[in-house]
Amino acid sequence: MTPVKIEIADGKFLKINWDDGSEDKLALDFLRKNCPCAICTSQPAGSDEMVVRIFGESQTQVASIQVVGQYAINIVWKDGHNTGIYEFDYLKELAANTAEE
């Protein structure tokens, strides 16, 4: 599945229109908390527990979005964080998980 349109809605959501006619809306703070990059998914050295990250406003605002090949987007956050590559399948999975809650 491939996005045909990606936009920021109401300054708080990533809205994705897919090529099958479906639409997903993901909260930006939820996307940031689920950043798939190695920095965000790693545990502190010597710890068996994951750190729960709390983000400020600039950390959940999008500076830009770039399409990566035919499989993902890269979100650059206003605080400069730019290492998360959100694969299309991962975005669909996140949307499905939020719909179940």
N, C-alpha and C. Protein backbone atom coordinates (compact mmCIF):
# COMPACT_ATOMS: atom_id res chain seq x y z
N MET A 1 0.85 -1.17 0.00
CA MET A 1 0.00 0.00 0.00
C MET A 1 0.90 1.24 0.00
N THR A 2 0.50 2.23 -0.78
CA THR A 2 1.31 3.43 -0.94
C THR A 2 0.47 4.68 -0.68
N PRO A 3 1.04 5.66 0.02
CA PRO A 3 0.30 6.91 0.22
C PRO A 3 0.18 7.69 -1.09
N VAL A 4 -0.97 8.32 -1.28
CA VAL A 4 -1.13 9.23 -2.41
C VAL A 4 -1.09 10.67 -1.94
N LYS A 5 -1.31 10.88 -0.64
CA LYS A 5 -1.23 12.22 -0.06
C LYS A 5 -0.89 12.10 1.41
N ILE A 6 0.07 12.92 1.85
CA ILE A 6 0.47 12.97 3.25
C ILE A 6 0.46 14.44 3.66
N GLU A 7 -0.21 14.75 4.76
CA GLU A 7 -0.25 16.14 5.21
C GLU A 7 -0.39 16.21 6.73
N ILE A 8 -0.07 17.36 7.27
CA ILE A 8 -0.29 17.63 8.68
C ILE A 8 -1.68 18.24 8.80
N ALA A 9 -2.51 17.68 9.66
CA ALA A 9 -3.88 18.16 9.87
C ALA A 9 -4.02 18.77 11.25
N ASP A 10 -4.55 19.95 11.30
CA ASP A 10 -4.81 20.66 12.57
C ASP A 10 -3.55 20.84 13.42
N GLY A 11 -2.38 20.72 12.83
CA GLY A 11 -1.13 20.88 13.57
C GLY A 11 -0.85 19.78 14.58
N LYS A 12 -1.71 18.75 14.61
CA LYS A 12 -1.57 17.70 15.62
C LYS A 12 -1.58 16.28 15.06
N PHE A 13 -1.89 16.14 13.79
CA PHE A 13 -2.04 14.81 13.21
C PHE A 13 -1.31 14.69 11.88
N LEU A 14 -0.83 13.48 11.60
CA LEU A 14 -0.35 13.13 10.27
C LEU A 14 -1.50 12.42 9.59
N LYS A 15 -1.97 12.98 8.50
CA LYS A 15 -3.09 12.41 7.75
C LYS A 15 -2.53 11.79 6.48
N ILE A 16 -2.86 10.52 6.27
CA ILE A 16 -2.36 9.78 5.12
C ILE A 16 -3.54 9.25 4.32
N ASN A 17 -3.59 9.59 3.04
CA ASN A 17 -4.55 9.01 2.11
C ASN A 17 -3.79 7.94 1.33
N TRP A 18 -4.33 6.71 1.35
CA TRP A 18 -3.67 5.57 0.73
C TRP A 18 -4.25 5.29 -0.66
N ASP A 19 -3.49 4.57 -1.46
CA ASP A 19 -3.90 4.29 -2.84
C ASP A 19 -5.10 3.35 -2.94
N ASP A 20 -5.53 2.75 -1.83
CA ASP A 20 -6.73 1.92 -1.84
C ASP A 20 -7.98 2.71 -1.46
N GLY A 21 -7.81 4.03 -1.26
CA GLY A 21 -8.93 4.89 -0.90
C GLY A 21 -9.12 5.08 0.60
N SER A 22 -8.36 4.36 1.42
CA SER A 22 -8.48 4.51 2.87
C SER A 22 -7.68 5.72 3.36
N GLU A 23 -7.98 6.12 4.59
CA GLU A 23 -7.31 7.27 5.20
C GLU A 23 -6.97 6.93 6.65
N ASP A 24 -5.79 7.32 7.08
CA ASP A 24 -5.38 7.16 8.47
C ASP A 24 -4.96 8.51 9.02
N LYS A 25 -5.23 8.71 10.30
CA LYS A 25 -4.84 9.92 11.00
C LYS A 25 -4.11 9.50 12.27
N LEU A 26 -2.86 9.89 12.38
CA LEU A 26 -2.04 9.52 13.53
C LEU A 26 -1.61 10.78 14.27
N ALA A 27 -1.79 10.79 15.58
CA ALA A 27 -1.37 11.93 16.39
C ALA A 27 0.15 12.07 16.32
N LEU A 28 0.61 13.30 16.16
CA LEU A 28 2.06 13.54 16.04
C LEU A 28 2.81 13.12 17.30
N ASP A 29 2.24 13.38 18.49
CA ASP A 29 2.94 12.95 19.70
C ASP A 29 3.04 11.42 19.78
N PHE A 30 2.03 10.71 19.28
CA PHE A 30 2.06 9.25 19.22
C PHE A 30 3.15 8.78 18.26
N LEU A 31 3.25 9.44 17.10
CA LEU A 31 4.30 9.09 16.13
C LEU A 31 5.68 9.30 16.72
N ARG A 32 5.88 10.42 17.41
CA ARG A 32 7.20 10.69 18.00
C ARG A 32 7.53 9.66 19.06
N LYS A 33 6.57 9.30 19.88
CA LYS A 33 6.80 8.29 20.92
C LYS A 33 7.10 6.92 20.32
N ASN A 34 6.65 6.70 19.09
CA ASN A 34 6.87 5.42 18.41
C ASN A 34 7.88 5.53 17.29
N CYS A 35 8.80 6.49 17.42
CA CYS A 35 9.86 6.65 16.42
C CYS A 35 10.66 5.34 16.36
N PRO A 36 10.83 4.80 15.14
CA PRO A 36 11.49 3.50 15.01
C PRO A 36 13.02 3.55 14.94
N CYS A 37 13.63 4.72 15.12
CA CYS A 37 15.08 4.80 14.97
C CYS A 37 15.81 4.12 16.13
N ALA A 38 17.07 3.83 15.93
CA ALA A 38 17.88 3.12 16.93
C ALA A 38 18.02 3.93 18.22
N ILE A 39 18.08 5.23 18.11
CA ILE A 39 18.21 6.07 19.30
C ILE A 39 16.96 5.96 20.17
N CYS A 40 15.81 6.08 19.55
CA CYS A 40 14.55 6.08 20.29
C CYS A 40 14.14 4.70 20.80
N THR A 41 14.58 3.65 20.16
CA THR A 41 14.18 2.30 20.57
C THR A 41 15.20 1.62 21.47
N SER A 42 16.31 2.28 21.74
CA SER A 42 17.35 1.64 22.56
C SER A 42 17.08 1.83 24.05
N GLN A 43 17.66 0.93 24.81
CA GLN A 43 17.58 1.00 26.26
C GLN A 43 18.84 1.67 26.80
N PRO A 44 18.74 2.34 27.95
CA PRO A 44 19.94 2.88 28.57
C PRO A 44 20.92 1.76 28.91
N ALA A 45 22.20 2.04 28.82
CA ALA A 45 23.23 1.04 29.11
C ALA A 45 23.03 0.47 30.51
N GLY A 46 23.08 -0.85 30.62
CA GLY A 46 22.97 -1.52 31.91
C GLY A 46 21.56 -1.63 32.45
N SER A 47 20.57 -1.23 31.67
CA SER A 47 19.19 -1.26 32.15
C SER A 47 18.40 -2.34 31.44
N ASP A 48 17.50 -2.96 32.19
CA ASP A 48 16.59 -3.94 31.60
C ASP A 48 15.25 -3.31 31.25
N GLU A 49 15.08 -2.03 31.58
CA GLU A 49 13.81 -1.37 31.35
C GLU A 49 13.93 -0.31 30.27
N MET A 50 12.84 -0.17 29.52
CA MET A 50 12.78 0.90 28.52
C MET A 50 12.47 2.21 29.24
N VAL A 51 13.01 3.29 28.72
CA VAL A 51 12.74 4.61 29.26
C VAL A 51 11.46 5.13 28.64
N VAL A 52 10.58 5.69 29.47
CA VAL A 52 9.39 6.34 28.95
C VAL A 52 9.76 7.79 28.68
N ARG A 53 9.72 8.16 27.42
CA ARG A 53 10.12 9.51 27.04
C ARG A 53 8.93 10.45 27.08
N ILE A 54 9.15 11.62 27.65
CA ILE A 54 8.14 12.67 27.67
C ILE A 54 8.65 13.78 26.77
N PHE A 55 7.82 14.22 25.83
CA PHE A 55 8.26 15.17 24.83
C PHE A 55 7.61 16.52 25.03
N GLY A 56 8.40 17.57 24.79
CA GLY A 56 7.89 18.93 24.79
C GLY A 56 7.27 19.25 23.45
N GLU A 57 6.65 20.42 23.36
CA GLU A 57 5.91 20.80 22.16
C GLU A 57 6.75 20.79 20.90
N SER A 58 7.98 21.32 20.96
CA SER A 58 8.81 21.37 19.74
C SER A 58 9.23 19.98 19.28
N GLN A 59 9.19 19.03 20.19
CA GLN A 59 9.58 17.67 19.84
C GLN A 59 8.46 16.89 19.16
N THR A 60 7.26 17.43 19.16
CA THR A 60 6.14 16.75 18.52
C THR A 60 5.57 17.58 17.36
N GLN A 61 6.33 18.57 16.93
CA GLN A 61 5.94 19.35 15.76
C GLN A 61 6.85 18.98 14.59
N VAL A 62 6.26 18.88 13.42
CA VAL A 62 6.99 18.44 12.23
C VAL A 62 7.58 19.63 11.49
N ALA A 63 8.88 19.53 11.20
CA ALA A 63 9.54 20.54 10.37
C ALA A 63 9.38 20.19 8.89
N SER A 64 9.54 18.90 8.56
CA SER A 64 9.38 18.46 7.17
C SER A 64 9.19 16.96 7.12
N ILE A 65 8.68 16.51 5.96
CA ILE A 65 8.49 15.09 5.70
C ILE A 65 9.04 14.81 4.31
N GLN A 66 9.87 13.78 4.20
CA GLN A 66 10.40 13.37 2.91
C GLN A 66 10.04 11.91 2.66
N VAL A 67 9.69 11.61 1.42
CA VAL A 67 9.45 10.22 1.04
C VAL A 67 10.81 9.56 0.85
N VAL A 68 10.94 8.34 1.36
CA VAL A 68 12.17 7.55 1.24
C VAL A 68 11.87 6.39 0.31
N GLY A 69 12.42 6.46 -0.89
CA GLY A 69 12.18 5.40 -1.87
C GLY A 69 10.71 5.18 -2.11
N GLN A 70 10.32 3.92 -2.21
CA GLN A 70 8.92 3.55 -2.42
C GLN A 70 8.33 2.86 -1.19
N TYR A 71 8.99 3.06 -0.02
CA TYR A 71 8.57 2.25 1.12
C TYR A 71 8.39 3.00 2.44
N ALA A 72 8.77 4.29 2.52
CA ALA A 72 8.76 4.93 3.83
C ALA A 72 8.75 6.46 3.71
N ILE A 73 8.58 7.08 4.88
CA ILE A 73 8.78 8.53 4.99
C ILE A 73 9.78 8.78 6.11
N ASN A 74 10.46 9.88 5.99
CA ASN A 74 11.35 10.36 7.05
C ASN A 74 10.73 11.64 7.59
N ILE A 75 10.47 11.67 8.89
CA ILE A 75 9.93 12.86 9.53
C ILE A 75 11.07 13.60 10.21
N VAL A 76 11.22 14.88 9.89
CA VAL A 76 12.16 15.74 10.58
C VAL A 76 11.34 16.56 11.58
N TRP A 77 11.66 16.39 12.85
CA TRP A 77 10.92 17.08 13.91
C TRP A 77 11.55 18.44 14.16
N LYS A 78 10.78 19.38 14.69
CA LYS A 78 11.26 20.75 14.88
C LYS A 78 12.42 20.85 15.86
N ASP A 79 12.62 19.85 16.70
CA ASP A 79 13.77 19.87 17.61
C ASP A 79 15.04 19.36 16.93
N GLY A 80 14.93 18.99 15.63
CA GLY A 80 16.10 18.53 14.88
C GLY A 80 16.22 17.03 14.74
N HIS A 81 15.43 16.27 15.49
CA HIS A 81 15.50 14.80 15.39
C HIS A 81 15.06 14.39 13.98
N ASN A 82 15.89 13.58 13.31
CA ASN A 82 15.59 13.25 11.91
C ASN A 82 16.01 11.84 11.50
N THR A 83 16.18 10.95 12.45
CA THR A 83 16.71 9.63 12.11
C THR A 83 15.63 8.54 12.02
N GLY A 84 14.38 8.90 12.21
CA GLY A 84 13.30 7.90 12.13
C GLY A 84 12.80 7.71 10.71
N ILE A 85 12.88 6.49 10.23
CA ILE A 85 12.33 6.14 8.92
C ILE A 85 11.07 5.32 9.20
N TYR A 86 9.92 5.89 8.90
CA TYR A 86 8.63 5.26 9.15
C TYR A 86 8.19 4.53 7.89
N GLU A 87 8.36 3.22 7.86
CA GLU A 87 7.93 2.43 6.71
C GLU A 87 6.42 2.47 6.61
N PHE A 88 5.90 2.41 5.38
CA PHE A 88 4.46 2.47 5.16
C PHE A 88 3.73 1.38 5.94
N ASP A 89 4.27 0.17 5.95
CA ASP A 89 3.65 -0.93 6.70
C ASP A 89 3.61 -0.61 8.20
N TYR A 90 4.66 0.03 8.71
CA TYR A 90 4.71 0.40 10.12
C TYR A 90 3.64 1.45 10.43
N LEU A 91 3.45 2.42 9.54
CA LEU A 91 2.42 3.44 9.73
C LEU A 91 1.03 2.80 9.74
N LYS A 92 0.79 1.85 8.84
CA LYS A 92 -0.50 1.14 8.82
C LYS A 92 -0.70 0.36 10.12
N GLU A 93 0.38 -0.26 10.60
CA GLU A 93 0.31 -1.03 11.85
C GLU A 93 -0.02 -0.10 13.02
N LEU A 94 0.64 1.05 13.08
CA LEU A 94 0.37 2.02 14.15
C LEU A 94 -1.09 2.48 14.09
N ALA A 95 -1.57 2.77 12.89
CA ALA A 95 -2.96 3.22 12.73
C ALA A 95 -3.94 2.13 13.16
N ALA A 96 -3.66 0.89 12.81
CA ALA A 96 -4.54 -0.22 13.20
C ALA A 96 -4.55 -0.38 14.72
N ASN A 97 -3.39 -0.22 15.34
CA ASN A 97 -3.30 -0.36 16.80
C ASN A 97 -4.04 0.75 17.52
N THR A 98 -4.01 1.96 16.99
CA THR A 98 -4.72 3.07 17.63
C THR A 98 -6.22 2.93 17.42
N ALA A 99 -6.64 2.32 16.31
CA ALA A 99 -8.06 2.13 16.03
C ALA A 99 -8.68 1.11 16.99
N GLU A 100 -7.85 0.18 17.48
CA GLU A 100 -8.33 -0.87 18.39
C GLU A 100 -8.49 -0.36 19.82
N GLU A 101 -7.84 0.76 20.14
CA GLU A 101 -7.88 1.25 21.53
C GLU A 101 -9.18 1.95 21.85
